[in-house]
N, C-alpha and C. Protein backbone atom coordinates (compact mmCIF):
# COMPACT_ATOMS: atom_id res chain seq x y z
N UNK A 1 -9.67 -3.62 -9.62
CA UNK A 1 -9.63 -3.65 -8.11
C UNK A 1 -9.55 -5.46 -9.32
N UNK A 2 -8.94 -6.37 -7.58
CA UNK A 2 -8.72 -7.21 -7.72
C UNK A 2 -10.06 -8.35 -6.72
N UNK A 3 -9.62 -9.58 -7.26
CA UNK A 3 -11.35 -10.19 -6.03
C UNK A 3 -10.33 -10.48 -4.99
N UNK A 4 -11.56 -10.88 -4.10
CA UNK A 4 -11.77 -11.54 -3.08
C UNK A 4 -12.53 -12.46 -2.41
N UNK A 5 -12.01 -13.82 -1.54
CA UNK A 5 -13.34 -15.11 -1.48
C UNK A 5 -13.05 -14.66 0.10
N UNK A 6 -14.38 -14.72 0.07
CA UNK A 6 -15.37 -14.39 1.54
C UNK A 6 -15.06 -15.76 2.70
N UNK A 7 -15.30 -15.73 3.81
CA UNK A 7 -16.03 -16.89 4.74
C UNK A 7 -17.19 -17.36 3.78
N UNK A 8 -17.78 -17.08 3.22
CA UNK A 8 -18.71 -18.05 3.03
C UNK A 8 -18.17 -19.79 1.59
N UNK A 9 -17.22 -18.74 1.08
CA UNK A 9 -16.23 -20.26 0.89
C UNK A 9 -16.43 -21.87 1.83
N UNK A 10 -16.52 -22.95 0.43
CA UNK A 10 -16.73 -24.11 1.10
C UNK A 10 -15.70 -24.93 1.03
N UNK A 11 -14.53 -24.06 0.49
CA UNK A 11 -12.89 -24.87 -0.04
C UNK A 11 -13.44 -26.21 -1.27
N UNK A 12 -14.11 -25.62 -2.14
CA UNK A 12 -14.38 -26.78 -2.91
C UNK A 12 -13.82 -26.78 -3.70
N UNK A 13 -13.10 -25.58 -4.06
CA UNK A 13 -11.69 -26.70 -4.62
C UNK A 13 -11.20 -26.41 -6.41
N UNK A 14 -12.85 -25.42 -6.70
CA UNK A 14 -12.71 -25.68 -8.55
C UNK A 14 -12.21 -23.77 -8.81
N UNK A 15 -11.63 -22.89 -7.60
CA UNK A 15 -11.41 -21.60 -8.11
C UNK A 15 -9.71 -22.15 -8.62
N UNK A 16 -9.03 -22.11 -7.41
CA UNK A 16 -7.91 -22.53 -7.73
C UNK A 16 -7.69 -23.04 -8.54
N UNK A 17 -7.52 -24.15 -9.72
CA UNK A 17 -6.91 -24.60 -11.02
C UNK A 17 -7.23 -23.72 -12.08
N UNK A 18 -8.83 -22.92 -12.19
CA UNK A 18 -9.19 -21.86 -13.07
C UNK A 18 -7.66 -20.69 -13.43
N UNK A 19 -7.86 -20.32 -12.11
CA UNK A 19 -6.93 -18.56 -12.40
C UNK A 19 -6.14 -18.70 -12.61
N UNK A 20 -5.54 -18.34 -14.30
CA UNK A 20 -4.47 -18.37 -14.83
C UNK A 20 -3.34 -17.39 -14.25
N UNK A 21 -3.50 -16.56 -13.60
CA UNK A 21 -2.21 -15.82 -12.55
C UNK A 21 -1.66 -16.73 -11.65
N UNK A 22 -2.20 -18.05 -11.40
CA UNK A 22 -1.84 -18.88 -9.98
C UNK A 22 -2.09 -17.47 -8.51
N UNK A 23 -2.96 -17.07 -8.76
CA UNK A 23 -3.31 -16.21 -7.96
C UNK A 23 -4.05 -16.70 -6.13
N UNK A 24 -4.74 -17.55 -7.00
CA UNK A 24 -5.55 -18.47 -5.59
C UNK A 24 -4.83 -19.34 -4.80
N UNK A 25 -5.01 -19.43 -3.19
CA UNK A 25 -4.53 -20.42 -2.73
C UNK A 25 -4.92 -21.50 -1.30
N UNK A 26 -4.58 -22.24 -0.83
CA UNK A 26 -5.36 -22.12 -0.01
C UNK A 26 -4.94 -21.46 1.14
N UNK A 27 -5.65 -20.75 2.10
CA UNK A 27 -5.83 -20.43 3.30
C UNK A 27 -5.19 -20.91 4.64
N UNK A 28 -5.07 -20.43 5.55
CA UNK A 28 -5.18 -21.12 6.97
C UNK A 28 -6.96 -22.04 6.82
N UNK A 29 -8.16 -20.91 6.95
CA UNK A 29 -9.01 -22.15 6.85
C UNK A 29 -9.65 -22.06 5.56
N UNK A 30 -9.32 -20.61 4.79
CA UNK A 30 -10.43 -20.86 3.15
C UNK A 30 -9.17 -20.91 2.33
N UNK A 31 -10.05 -20.44 0.73
CA UNK A 31 -9.19 -20.14 0.23
C UNK A 31 -8.58 -18.92 0.10
N UNK A 32 -8.07 -17.89 -0.68
CA UNK A 32 -7.19 -16.87 -0.55
C UNK A 32 -7.27 -16.22 -2.06
N UNK A 33 -7.09 -14.87 -2.25
CA UNK A 33 -6.12 -14.58 -3.65
C UNK A 33 -5.04 -13.89 -3.33
N UNK A 34 -4.39 -13.90 -3.93
CA UNK A 34 -2.83 -12.48 -3.74
C UNK A 34 -3.70 -11.25 -4.87
N UNK A 35 -3.83 -10.47 -3.82
CA UNK A 35 -4.28 -9.40 -4.87
C UNK A 35 -2.58 -8.56 -6.11
N UNK A 36 -1.66 -9.13 -5.28
CA UNK A 36 -0.25 -9.17 -6.14
C UNK A 36 -0.54 -9.39 -7.88
N UNK A 37 -1.17 -10.36 -7.50
CA UNK A 37 -1.12 -10.99 -8.63
C UNK A 37 -2.76 -11.68 -9.72
N UNK A 38 -3.80 -11.11 -9.05
CA UNK A 38 -5.04 -11.20 -9.67
C UNK A 38 -5.18 -9.90 -11.00
N UNK A 39 -5.67 -10.37 -11.57
CA UNK A 39 -6.04 -9.29 -12.86
C UNK A 39 -7.52 -9.32 -12.99
N UNK A 40 -8.25 -10.40 -12.35
CA UNK A 40 -9.84 -10.24 -12.59
C UNK A 40 -9.77 -10.97 -14.04
N UNK A 41 -8.62 -11.64 -14.01
CA UNK A 41 -8.81 -12.15 -15.73
C UNK A 41 -8.22 -11.25 -17.07
N UNK A 42 -8.06 -10.35 -16.53
CA UNK A 42 -7.96 -9.66 -17.77
C UNK A 42 -6.96 -9.65 -18.18
N UNK A 43 -6.34 -9.90 -19.75
CA UNK A 43 -5.75 -10.15 -20.44
C UNK A 43 -5.85 -11.53 -20.80
N UNK A 44 -6.08 -12.48 -20.15
CA UNK A 44 -6.78 -14.18 -20.19
C UNK A 44 -8.05 -14.24 -20.72
N UNK A 45 -9.35 -13.63 -20.51
CA UNK A 45 -10.24 -14.20 -20.36
C UNK A 45 -11.37 -12.75 -20.20
N UNK A 46 -12.49 -12.85 -20.62
CA UNK A 46 -13.82 -11.62 -20.87
C UNK A 46 -13.98 -11.63 -19.29
N UNK A 47 -14.06 -12.64 -18.48
CA UNK A 47 -14.63 -12.94 -16.88
C UNK A 47 -13.87 -13.40 -16.23
N UNK A 48 -14.21 -13.18 -14.53
CA UNK A 48 -13.08 -13.78 -13.96
C UNK A 48 -13.35 -14.75 -13.72
N UNK A 49 -12.60 -16.15 -14.46
CA UNK A 49 -12.84 -17.73 -14.26
C UNK A 49 -13.46 -18.21 -13.16
N UNK A 50 -12.37 -17.32 -11.85
CA UNK A 50 -13.19 -18.21 -10.59
C UNK A 50 -14.82 -17.74 -9.96
N UNK A 51 -15.11 -16.55 -10.45
CA UNK A 51 -16.34 -15.97 -10.00
C UNK A 51 -17.38 -17.05 -10.90
N UNK A 52 -16.66 -17.31 -12.09
CA UNK A 52 -17.59 -18.10 -13.44
C UNK A 52 -17.76 -19.36 -12.54
N UNK A 53 -16.79 -19.94 -12.17
CA UNK A 53 -16.68 -21.75 -11.12
C UNK A 53 -17.76 -21.55 -9.51
N UNK A 54 -17.36 -20.75 -9.24
CA UNK A 54 -17.80 -20.68 -7.42
C UNK A 54 -19.28 -20.85 -7.16
N UNK A 55 -19.44 -21.74 -7.07
CA UNK A 55 -21.02 -22.86 -6.21
C UNK A 55 -21.65 -21.63 -5.58
N UNK A 56 -20.96 -21.12 -4.65
CA UNK A 56 -21.66 -20.24 -3.85
C UNK A 56 -21.63 -18.74 -3.74
N UNK A 57 -21.25 -17.65 -4.64
CA UNK A 57 -20.69 -16.82 -5.26
C UNK A 57 -19.95 -16.50 -4.55
N UNK A 58 -19.11 -16.21 -3.88
CA UNK A 58 -18.04 -15.99 -2.78
C UNK A 58 -16.40 -15.09 -3.13
N UNK A 59 -17.03 -14.46 -4.28
CA UNK A 59 -15.67 -13.71 -4.85
C UNK A 59 -15.93 -12.51 -5.58
N UNK A 60 -16.08 -11.26 -4.80
CA UNK A 60 -16.44 -10.25 -4.91
C UNK A 60 -15.12 -9.29 -5.09
N UNK A 61 -15.88 -8.46 -5.42
CA UNK A 61 -14.62 -7.38 -5.94
C UNK A 61 -13.87 -6.60 -4.62
N UNK A 62 -12.58 -6.84 -3.96
CA UNK A 62 -12.03 -6.20 -3.00
C UNK A 62 -12.10 -4.99 -3.12
N UNK A 63 -12.83 -4.13 -2.02
CA UNK A 63 -12.57 -2.59 -2.28
C UNK A 63 -11.31 -1.88 -1.57
N UNK A 64 -10.50 -3.14 -1.22
CA UNK A 64 -9.75 -2.38 -0.38
C UNK A 64 -8.17 -2.35 -1.33
N UNK A 65 -8.80 -2.91 -2.86
CA UNK A 65 -7.65 -2.79 -3.61
C UNK A 65 -7.66 -2.30 -4.68
N UNK A 66 -8.62 -1.54 -5.48
CA UNK A 66 -9.36 -0.39 -6.31
C UNK A 66 -8.25 -0.92 -7.22
N UNK A 67 -8.62 -1.10 -8.61
CA UNK A 67 -7.54 -0.75 -9.60
C UNK A 67 -8.76 -0.82 -10.82
N UNK A 68 -8.06 -0.21 -11.81
CA UNK A 68 -8.82 0.58 -13.27
C UNK A 68 -8.22 -0.91 -14.48
N UNK A 69 -9.34 -1.02 -15.43
CA UNK A 69 -9.30 -1.49 -16.42
C UNK A 69 -7.23 -1.92 -17.13
N UNK A 70 -6.83 -0.43 -16.88
CA UNK A 70 -5.60 -0.35 -17.46
C UNK A 70 -4.48 -0.34 -16.10
N UNK A 71 -5.70 -0.57 -15.42
CA UNK A 71 -4.25 -0.89 -14.46
C UNK A 71 -4.02 -2.23 -13.81
N UNK A 72 -5.13 -2.92 -14.47
CA UNK A 72 -5.19 -4.84 -14.48
C UNK A 72 -4.20 -5.29 -15.71
N UNK A 73 -4.31 -4.18 -16.48
CA UNK A 73 -3.92 -4.78 -18.23
C UNK A 73 -2.62 -4.50 -17.65
N UNK A 74 -2.12 -4.11 -17.24
CA UNK A 74 -0.71 -3.43 -16.80
C UNK A 74 -0.54 -4.45 -16.25
N UNK A 75 -0.91 -4.77 -15.19
CA UNK A 75 -0.42 -5.82 -13.83
C UNK A 75 0.01 -7.32 -14.67
N UNK A 76 -0.98 -7.78 -15.87
CA UNK A 76 -0.95 -8.57 -16.30
C UNK A 76 0.10 -8.70 -17.25
N UNK A 77 0.64 -7.56 -17.78
CA UNK A 77 1.66 -7.93 -18.61
C UNK A 77 3.14 -7.77 -17.88
N UNK A 78 3.21 -7.22 -16.94
CA UNK A 78 4.10 -7.29 -15.75
C UNK A 78 4.25 -9.01 -15.50
N UNK A 79 3.08 -9.38 -15.36
CA UNK A 79 3.35 -10.86 -14.88
C UNK A 79 3.95 -11.90 -16.27
N UNK A 80 3.34 -11.66 -17.26
CA UNK A 80 4.04 -12.08 -18.31
C UNK A 80 4.91 -12.04 -18.73
N UNK A 81 5.34 -11.15 -18.92
CA UNK A 81 6.89 -10.31 -18.96
C UNK A 81 7.65 -10.83 -17.79
N UNK A 82 7.39 -11.00 -16.56
CA UNK A 82 8.01 -12.07 -15.73
C UNK A 82 8.05 -13.51 -15.83
N UNK A 83 7.16 -13.88 -16.76
CA UNK A 83 7.20 -15.59 -16.75
C UNK A 83 8.11 -15.97 -17.93
N UNK A 84 8.19 -15.04 -18.77
CA UNK A 84 8.76 -14.90 -20.04
C UNK A 84 10.32 -15.43 -19.90
N UNK A 85 11.09 -16.21 -20.25
CA UNK A 85 12.72 -16.84 -19.53
C UNK A 85 12.75 -15.80 -20.64
N UNK A 86 13.18 -15.23 -21.78
CA UNK A 86 14.13 -14.84 -22.52
C UNK A 86 14.39 -12.87 -22.35
């Protein structure tokens, strides 16, 4: 699954810079996560970095975007390949 940010977000700005896939962005009212870019940090870290730094624990799994670890790893590999200039 990708992650999502709930309405409990306090816009503290700590999650966006720690996302290795640039999946977190400022929405109209709160930060949001692009499910097409979120890999739950699979391929980068052992745990989602945004969840690790969130002071209000408002970043749960998104049940609308269910993905297995293998699917997340595949997404990570596609994202890394897209960044490679070769």
